[in-house]
Amino acid sequence: MEKEFGKWLMDIAKYVVTAIVLSSFFGEANKATVYIVGLLISGVTLYLGLQMIKGKSESERNNENTNNLNN
């Protein structure tokens, strides 16, 4: 479940970057604010997503190693 949530967060990061690119073409908002806020949100969600995926893989490996030692 944690791995799937991590993938979802990475997808959110991609969507935010896409929104930044599209808004730069069509929007007349303050571009600096859009870029800063968008990249910040994208960076945070990407980092959290990667940590969840990485954390899940490491815990699975630890469980397998512990099970092998107990046998």
PDB file of N, CA and C in Angstrom:
ATOM      1  N   MET A   1       0.827  -1.193   0.000  1.00  0.00           N
ATOM      2  CA  MET A   1       0.000   0.000   0.000  1.00  0.00           C
ATOM      3  C   MET A   1       0.869   1.253   0.000  1.00  0.00           C
ATOM      4  N   GLU A   2       1.941   1.227   0.785  1.00  0.00           N
ATOM      5  CA  GLU A   2       2.824   2.387   0.871  1.00  0.00           C
ATOM      6  C   GLU A   2       3.527   2.641  -0.465  1.00  0.00           C
ATOM      7  N   LYS A   3       3.870   1.571  -1.162  1.00  0.00           N
ATOM      8  CA  LYS A   3       4.528   1.713  -2.462  1.00  0.00           C
ATOM      9  C   LYS A   3       3.582   2.354  -3.470  1.00  0.00           C
ATOM     10  N   GLU A   4       2.321   1.969  -3.458  1.00  0.00           N
ATOM     11  CA  GLU A   4       1.339   2.552  -4.372  1.00  0.00           C
ATOM     12  C   GLU A   4       1.111   4.036  -4.062  1.00  0.00           C
ATOM     13  N   PHE A   5       1.093   4.394  -2.797  1.00  0.00           N
ATOM     14  CA  PHE A   5       0.928   5.795  -2.427  1.00  0.00           C
ATOM     15  C   PHE A   5       2.143   6.600  -2.874  1.00  0.00           C
ATOM     16  N   GLY A   6       3.323   6.007  -2.790  1.00  0.00           N
ATOM     17  CA  GLY A   6       4.533   6.661  -3.271  1.00  0.00           C
ATOM     18  C   GLY A   6       4.466   6.919  -4.766  1.00  0.00           C
ATOM     19  N   LYS A   7       3.965   5.947  -5.522  1.00  0.00           N
ATOM     20  CA  LYS A   7       3.802   6.134  -6.966  1.00  0.00           C
ATOM     21  C   LYS A   7       2.798   7.241  -7.256  1.00  0.00           C
ATOM     22  N   TRP A   8       1.743   7.297  -6.457  1.00  0.00           N
ATOM     23  CA  TRP A   8       0.727   8.323  -6.633  1.00  0.00           C
ATOM     24  C   TRP A   8       1.325   9.708  -6.390  1.00  0.00           C
ATOM     25  N   LEU A   9       2.156   9.845  -5.368  1.00  0.00           N
ATOM     26  CA  LEU A   9       2.791  11.129  -5.089  1.00  0.00           C
ATOM     27  C   LEU A   9       3.719  11.542  -6.229  1.00  0.00           C
ATOM     28  N   MET A  10       4.412  10.579  -6.821  1.00  0.00           N
ATOM     29  CA  MET A  10       5.276  10.889  -7.951  1.00  0.00           C
ATOM     30  C   MET A  10       4.452  11.345  -9.152  1.00  0.00           C
ATOM     31  N   ASP A  11       3.279  10.760  -9.341  1.00  0.00           N
ATOM     32  CA  ASP A  11       2.391  11.210 -10.408  1.00  0.00           C
ATOM     33  C   ASP A  11       1.925  12.640 -10.167  1.00  0.00           C
ATOM     34  N   ILE A  12       1.622  12.974  -8.930  1.00  0.00           N
ATOM     35  CA  ILE A  12       1.207  14.333  -8.590  1.00  0.00           C
ATOM     36  C   ILE A  12       2.325  15.310  -8.935  1.00  0.00           C
ATOM     37  N   ALA A  13       3.568  14.932  -8.663  1.00  0.00           N
ATOM     38  CA  ALA A  13       4.700  15.801  -9.000  1.00  0.00           C
ATOM     39  C   ALA A  13       4.761  16.040 -10.505  1.00  0.00           C
ATOM     40  N   LYS A  14       4.526  15.000 -11.292  1.00  0.00           N
ATOM     41  CA  LYS A  14       4.533  15.158 -12.754  1.00  0.00           C
ATOM     42  C   LYS A  14       3.405  16.081 -13.208  1.00  0.00           C
ATOM     43  N   TYR A  15       2.237  15.941 -12.613  1.00  0.00           N
ATOM     44  CA  TYR A  15       1.104  16.778 -13.000  1.00  0.00           C
ATOM     45  C   TYR A  15       1.350  18.239 -12.655  1.00  0.00           C
ATOM     46  N   VAL A  16       1.986  18.499 -11.537  1.00  0.00           N
ATOM     47  CA  VAL A  16       2.268  19.876 -11.146  1.00  0.00           C
ATOM     48  C   VAL A  16       3.256  20.505 -12.125  1.00  0.00           C
ATOM     49  N   VAL A  17       4.286  19.755 -12.517  1.00  0.00           N
ATOM     50  CA  VAL A  17       5.245  20.279 -13.494  1.00  0.00           C
ATOM     51  C   VAL A  17       4.545  20.546 -14.824  1.00  0.00           C
ATOM     52  N   THR A  18       3.659  19.659 -15.230  1.00  0.00           N
ATOM     53  CA  THR A  18       2.899  19.877 -16.461  1.00  0.00           C
ATOM     54  C   THR A  18       2.044  21.136 -16.350  1.00  0.00           C
ATOM     55  N   ALA A  19       1.431  21.347 -15.214  1.00  0.00           N
ATOM     56  CA  ALA A  19       0.609  22.543 -15.008  1.00  0.00           C
ATOM     57  C   ALA A  19       1.464  23.809 -15.076  1.00  0.00           C
ATOM     58  N   ILE A  20       2.686  23.744 -14.573  1.00  0.00           N
ATOM     59  CA  ILE A  20       3.582  24.901 -14.634  1.00  0.00           C
ATOM     60  C   ILE A  20       3.907  25.233 -16.088  1.00  0.00           C
ATOM     61  N   VAL A  21       4.230  24.206 -16.859  1.00  0.00           N
ATOM     62  CA  VAL A  21       4.566  24.428 -18.268  1.00  0.00           C
ATOM     63  C   VAL A  21       3.372  25.007 -19.020  1.00  0.00           C
ATOM     64  N   LEU A  22       2.192  24.440 -18.806  1.00  0.00           N
ATOM     65  CA  LEU A  22       1.003  24.948 -19.492  1.00  0.00           C
ATOM     66  C   LEU A  22       0.646  26.360 -19.054  1.00  0.00           C
ATOM     67  N   SER A  23       0.795  26.648 -17.791  1.00  0.00           N
ATOM     68  CA  SER A  23       0.453  27.989 -17.317  1.00  0.00           C
ATOM     69  C   SER A  23       1.435  29.021 -17.857  1.00  0.00           C
ATOM     70  N   SER A  24       2.659  28.605 -18.122  1.00  0.00           N
ATOM     71  CA  SER A  24       3.613  29.566 -18.686  1.00  0.00           C
ATOM     72  C   SER A  24       3.217  29.958 -20.105  1.00  0.00           C
ATOM     73  N   PHE A  25       2.536  29.072 -20.814  1.00  0.00           N
ATOM     74  CA  PHE A  25       2.079  29.392 -22.166  1.00  0.00           C
ATOM     75  C   PHE A  25       0.801  30.218 -22.172  1.00  0.00           C
ATOM     76  N   PHE A  26      -0.117  29.898 -21.279  1.00  0.00           N
ATOM     77  CA  PHE A  26      -1.448  30.481 -21.343  1.00  0.00           C
ATOM     78  C   PHE A  26      -1.744  31.514 -20.266  1.00  0.00           C
ATOM     79  N   GLY A  27      -1.066  31.437 -19.153  1.00  0.00           N
ATOM     80  CA  GLY A  27      -1.420  32.282 -18.023  1.00  0.00           C
ATOM     81  C   GLY A  27      -0.777  33.648 -18.064  1.00  0.00           C
ATOM     82  N   GLU A  28      -1.441  34.569 -17.413  1.00  0.00           N
ATOM     83  CA  GLU A  28      -0.887  35.907 -17.255  1.00  0.00           C
ATOM     84  C   GLU A  28      -0.676  36.221 -15.781  1.00  0.00           C
ATOM     85  N   ALA A  29      -0.587  35.185 -14.978  1.00  0.00           N
ATOM     86  CA  ALA A  29      -0.361  35.364 -13.545  1.00  0.00           C
ATOM     87  C   ALA A  29       1.118  35.696 -13.319  1.00  0.00           C
ATOM     88  N   ASN A  30       1.448  36.005 -12.104  1.00  0.00           N
ATOM     89  CA  ASN A  30       2.828  36.274 -11.737  1.00  0.00           C
ATOM     90  C   ASN A  30       3.634  34.989 -11.931  1.00  0.00           C
ATOM     91  N   LYS A  31       4.452  34.956 -12.964  1.00  0.00           N
ATOM     92  CA  LYS A  31       5.156  33.726 -13.329  1.00  0.00           C
ATOM     93  C   LYS A  31       6.146  33.268 -12.264  1.00  0.00           C
ATOM     94  N   ALA A  32       6.807  34.191 -11.616  1.00  0.00           N
ATOM     95  CA  ALA A  32       7.781  33.815 -10.594  1.00  0.00           C
ATOM     96  C   ALA A  32       7.091  33.074  -9.450  1.00  0.00           C
ATOM     97  N   THR A  33       5.945  33.537  -9.027  1.00  0.00           N
ATOM     98  CA  THR A  33       5.206  32.883  -7.950  1.00  0.00           C
ATOM     99  C   THR A  33       4.746  31.498  -8.373  1.00  0.00           C
ATOM    100  N   VAL A  34       4.253  31.386  -9.589  1.00  0.00           N
ATOM    101  CA  VAL A  34       3.789  30.092 -10.091  1.00  0.00           C
ATOM    102  C   VAL A  34       4.945  29.102 -10.136  1.00  0.00           C
ATOM    103  N   TYR A  35       6.085  29.546 -10.634  1.00  0.00           N
ATOM    104  CA  TYR A  35       7.249  28.660 -10.724  1.00  0.00           C
ATOM    105  C   TYR A  35       7.741  28.229  -9.348  1.00  0.00           C
ATOM    106  N   ILE A  36       7.845  29.162  -8.441  1.00  0.00           N
ATOM    107  CA  ILE A  36       8.371  28.841  -7.105  1.00  0.00           C
ATOM    108  C   ILE A  36       7.444  27.893  -6.361  1.00  0.00           C
ATOM    109  N   VAL A  37       6.169  28.234  -6.310  1.00  0.00           N
ATOM    110  CA  VAL A  37       5.209  27.396  -5.588  1.00  0.00           C
ATOM    111  C   VAL A  37       5.065  26.035  -6.267  1.00  0.00           C
ATOM    112  N   GLY A  38       4.972  26.022  -7.583  1.00  0.00           N
ATOM    113  CA  GLY A  38       4.826  24.770  -8.310  1.00  0.00           C
ATOM    114  C   GLY A  38       6.013  23.853  -8.160  1.00  0.00           C
ATOM    115  N   LEU A  39       7.215  24.407  -8.277  1.00  0.00           N
ATOM    116  CA  LEU A  39       8.409  23.574  -8.127  1.00  0.00           C
ATOM    117  C   LEU A  39       8.587  23.101  -6.687  1.00  0.00           C
ATOM    118  N   LEU A  40       8.192  23.910  -5.744  1.00  0.00           N
ATOM    119  CA  LEU A  40       8.259  23.493  -4.341  1.00  0.00           C
ATOM    120  C   LEU A  40       7.312  22.317  -4.078  1.00  0.00           C
ATOM    121  N   ILE A  41       6.087  22.433  -4.538  1.00  0.00           N
ATOM    122  CA  ILE A  41       5.117  21.352  -4.355  1.00  0.00           C
ATOM    123  C   ILE A  41       5.576  20.099  -5.087  1.00  0.00           C
ATOM    124  N   SER A  42       6.061  20.279  -6.307  1.00  0.00           N
ATOM    125  CA  SER A  42       6.534  19.147  -7.092  1.00  0.00           C
ATOM    126  C   SER A  42       7.718  18.463  -6.415  1.00  0.00           C
ATOM    127  N   GLY A  43       8.642  19.244  -5.923  1.00  0.00           N
ATOM    128  CA  GLY A  43       9.815  18.682  -5.254  1.00  0.00           C
ATOM    129  C   GLY A  43       9.457  17.905  -3.993  1.00  0.00           C
ATOM    130  N   VAL A  44       8.563  18.451  -3.217  1.00  0.00           N
ATOM    131  CA  VAL A  44       8.156  17.784  -1.968  1.00  0.00           C
ATOM    132  C   VAL A  44       7.434  16.471  -2.257  1.00  0.00           C
ATOM    133  N   THR A  45       6.499  16.502  -3.207  1.00  0.00           N
ATOM    134  CA  THR A  45       5.764  15.272  -3.504  1.00  0.00           C
ATOM    135  C   THR A  45       6.664  14.221  -4.150  1.00  0.00           C
ATOM    136  N   LEU A  46       7.598  14.650  -5.001  1.00  0.00           N
ATOM    137  CA  LEU A  46       8.540  13.706  -5.601  1.00  0.00           C
ATOM    138  C   LEU A  46       9.427  13.082  -4.533  1.00  0.00           C
ATOM    139  N   TYR A  47       9.939  13.888  -3.626  1.00  0.00           N
ATOM    140  CA  TYR A  47      10.798  13.381  -2.554  1.00  0.00           C
ATOM    141  C   TYR A  47      10.045  12.385  -1.670  1.00  0.00           C
ATOM    142  N   LEU A  48       8.836  12.751  -1.261  1.00  0.00           N
ATOM    143  CA  LEU A  48       8.054  11.851  -0.406  1.00  0.00           C
ATOM    144  C   LEU A  48       7.719  10.551  -1.136  1.00  0.00           C
ATOM    145  N   GLY A  49       7.373  10.651  -2.406  1.00  0.00           N
ATOM    146  CA  GLY A  49       7.063   9.459  -3.182  1.00  0.00           C
ATOM    147  C   GLY A  49       8.262   8.534  -3.305  1.00  0.00           C
ATOM    148  N   LEU A  50       9.428   9.102  -3.586  1.00  0.00           N
ATOM    149  CA  LEU A  50      10.638   8.280  -3.703  1.00  0.00           C
ATOM    150  C   LEU A  50      11.014   7.652  -2.367  1.00  0.00           C
ATOM    151  N   GLN A  51      10.833   8.385  -1.291  1.00  0.00           N
ATOM    152  CA  GLN A  51      11.147   7.838   0.031  1.00  0.00           C
ATOM    153  C   GLN A  51      10.218   6.690   0.395  1.00  0.00           C
ATOM    154  N   MET A  52       8.955   6.806   0.026  1.00  0.00           N
ATOM    155  CA  MET A  52       8.009   5.727   0.327  1.00  0.00           C
ATOM    156  C   MET A  52       8.326   4.477  -0.479  1.00  0.00           C
ATOM    157  N   ILE A  53       8.683   4.656  -1.729  1.00  0.00           N
ATOM    158  CA  ILE A  53       9.024   3.501  -2.551  1.00  0.00           C
ATOM    159  C   ILE A  53      10.326   2.877  -2.067  1.00  0.00           C
ATOM    160  N   LYS A  54      11.314   3.703  -1.768  1.00  0.00           N
ATOM    161  CA  LYS A  54      12.602   3.213  -1.290  1.00  0.00           C
ATOM    162  C   LYS A  54      12.457   2.550   0.072  1.00  0.00           C
ATOM    163  N   GLY A  55      11.704   3.164   0.953  1.00  0.00           N
ATOM    164  CA  GLY A  55      11.516   2.617   2.296  1.00  0.00           C
ATOM    165  C   GLY A  55      10.841   1.261   2.262  1.00  0.00           C
ATOM    166  N   LYS A  56       9.880   1.103   1.378  1.00  0.00           N
ATOM    167  CA  LYS A  56       9.173  -0.166   1.255  1.00  0.00           C
ATOM    168  C   LYS A  56      10.113  -1.254   0.768  1.00  0.00           C
ATOM    169  N   SER A  57      10.943  -0.962  -0.188  1.00  0.00           N
ATOM    170  CA  SER A  57      11.859  -1.952  -0.730  1.00  0.00           C
ATOM    171  C   SER A  57      12.871  -2.393   0.319  1.00  0.00           C
ATOM    172  N   GLU A  58      13.391  -1.437   1.088  1.00  0.00           N
ATOM    173  CA  GLU A  58      14.357  -1.781   2.121  1.00  0.00           C
ATOM    174  C   GLU A  58      13.723  -2.629   3.216  1.00  0.00           C
ATOM    175  N   SER A  59      12.508  -2.316   3.613  1.00  0.00           N
ATOM    176  CA  SER A  59      11.862  -3.092   4.671  1.00  0.00           C
ATOM    177  C   SER A  59      11.545  -4.497   4.181  1.00  0.00           C
ATOM    178  N   GLU A  60      11.186  -4.642   2.908  1.00  0.00           N
ATOM    179  CA  GLU A  60      10.944  -5.977   2.370  1.00  0.00           C
ATOM    180  C   GLU A  60      12.231  -6.795   2.389  1.00  0.00           C
ATOM    181  N   ARG A  61      13.342  -6.159   2.025  1.00  0.00           N
ATOM    182  CA  ARG A  61      14.624  -6.872   2.050  1.00  0.00           C
ATOM    183  C   ARG A  61      14.998  -7.274   3.475  1.00  0.00           C
ATOM    184  N   ASN A  62      14.763  -6.395   4.432  1.00  0.00           N
ATOM    185  CA  ASN A  62      15.081  -6.718   5.823  1.00  0.00           C
ATOM    186  C   ASN A  62      14.234  -7.879   6.322  1.00  0.00           C
ATOM    187  N   ASN A  63      12.967  -7.902   5.960  1.00  0.00           N
ATOM    188  CA  ASN A  63      12.095  -9.011   6.363  1.00  0.00           C
ATOM    189  C   ASN A  63      12.553 -10.316   5.756  1.00  0.00           C
ATOM    190  N   GLU A  64      12.977 -10.293   4.498  1.00  0.00           N
ATOM    191  CA  GLU A  64      13.470 -11.511   3.847  1.00  0.00           C
ATOM    192  C   GLU A  64      14.759 -11.980   4.514  1.00  0.00           C
ATOM    193  N   ASN A  65      15.662 -11.061   4.844  1.00  0.00           N
ATOM    194  CA  ASN A  65      16.909 -11.441   5.511  1.00  0.00           C
ATOM    195  C   ASN A  65      16.634 -12.029   6.897  1.00  0.00           C
ATOM    196  N   THR A  66      15.701 -11.449   7.620  1.00  0.00           N
ATOM    197  CA  THR A  66      15.366 -11.956   8.945  1.00  0.00           C
ATOM    198  C   THR A  66      14.741 -13.347   8.848  1.00  0.00           C
ATOM    199  N   ASN A  67      13.867 -13.542   7.867  1.00  0.00           N
ATOM    200  CA  ASN A  67      13.259 -14.856   7.688  1.00  0.00           C
ATOM    201  C   ASN A  67      14.302 -15.894   7.304  1.00  0.00           C
ATOM    202  N   ASN A  68      15.269 -15.541   6.490  1.00  0.00           N
ATOM    203  CA  ASN A  68      16.319 -16.477   6.094  1.00  0.00           C
ATOM    204  C   ASN A  68      17.216 -16.833   7.266  1.00  0.00           C
ATOM    205  N   LEU A  69      17.485 -15.891   8.160  1.00  0.00           N
ATOM    206  CA  LEU A  69      18.309 -16.168   9.317  1.00  0.00           C
ATOM    207  C   LEU A  69      17.602 -17.065  10.316  1.00  0.00           C
ATOM    208  N   ASN A  70      16.281 -16.930  10.418  1.00  0.00           N
ATOM    209  CA  ASN A  70      15.519 -17.742  11.368  1.00  0.00           C
ATOM    210  C   ASN A  70      15.381 -19.185  10.904  1.00  0.00           C
ATOM    211  N   ASN A  71      15.529 -19.446   9.622  1.00  0.00           N
ATOM    212  CA  ASN A  71      15.381 -20.816   9.113  1.00  0.00           C
ATOM    213  C   ASN A  71      16.597 -21.608   9.292  1.00  0.00           C
TER     214      ASN A  71
END
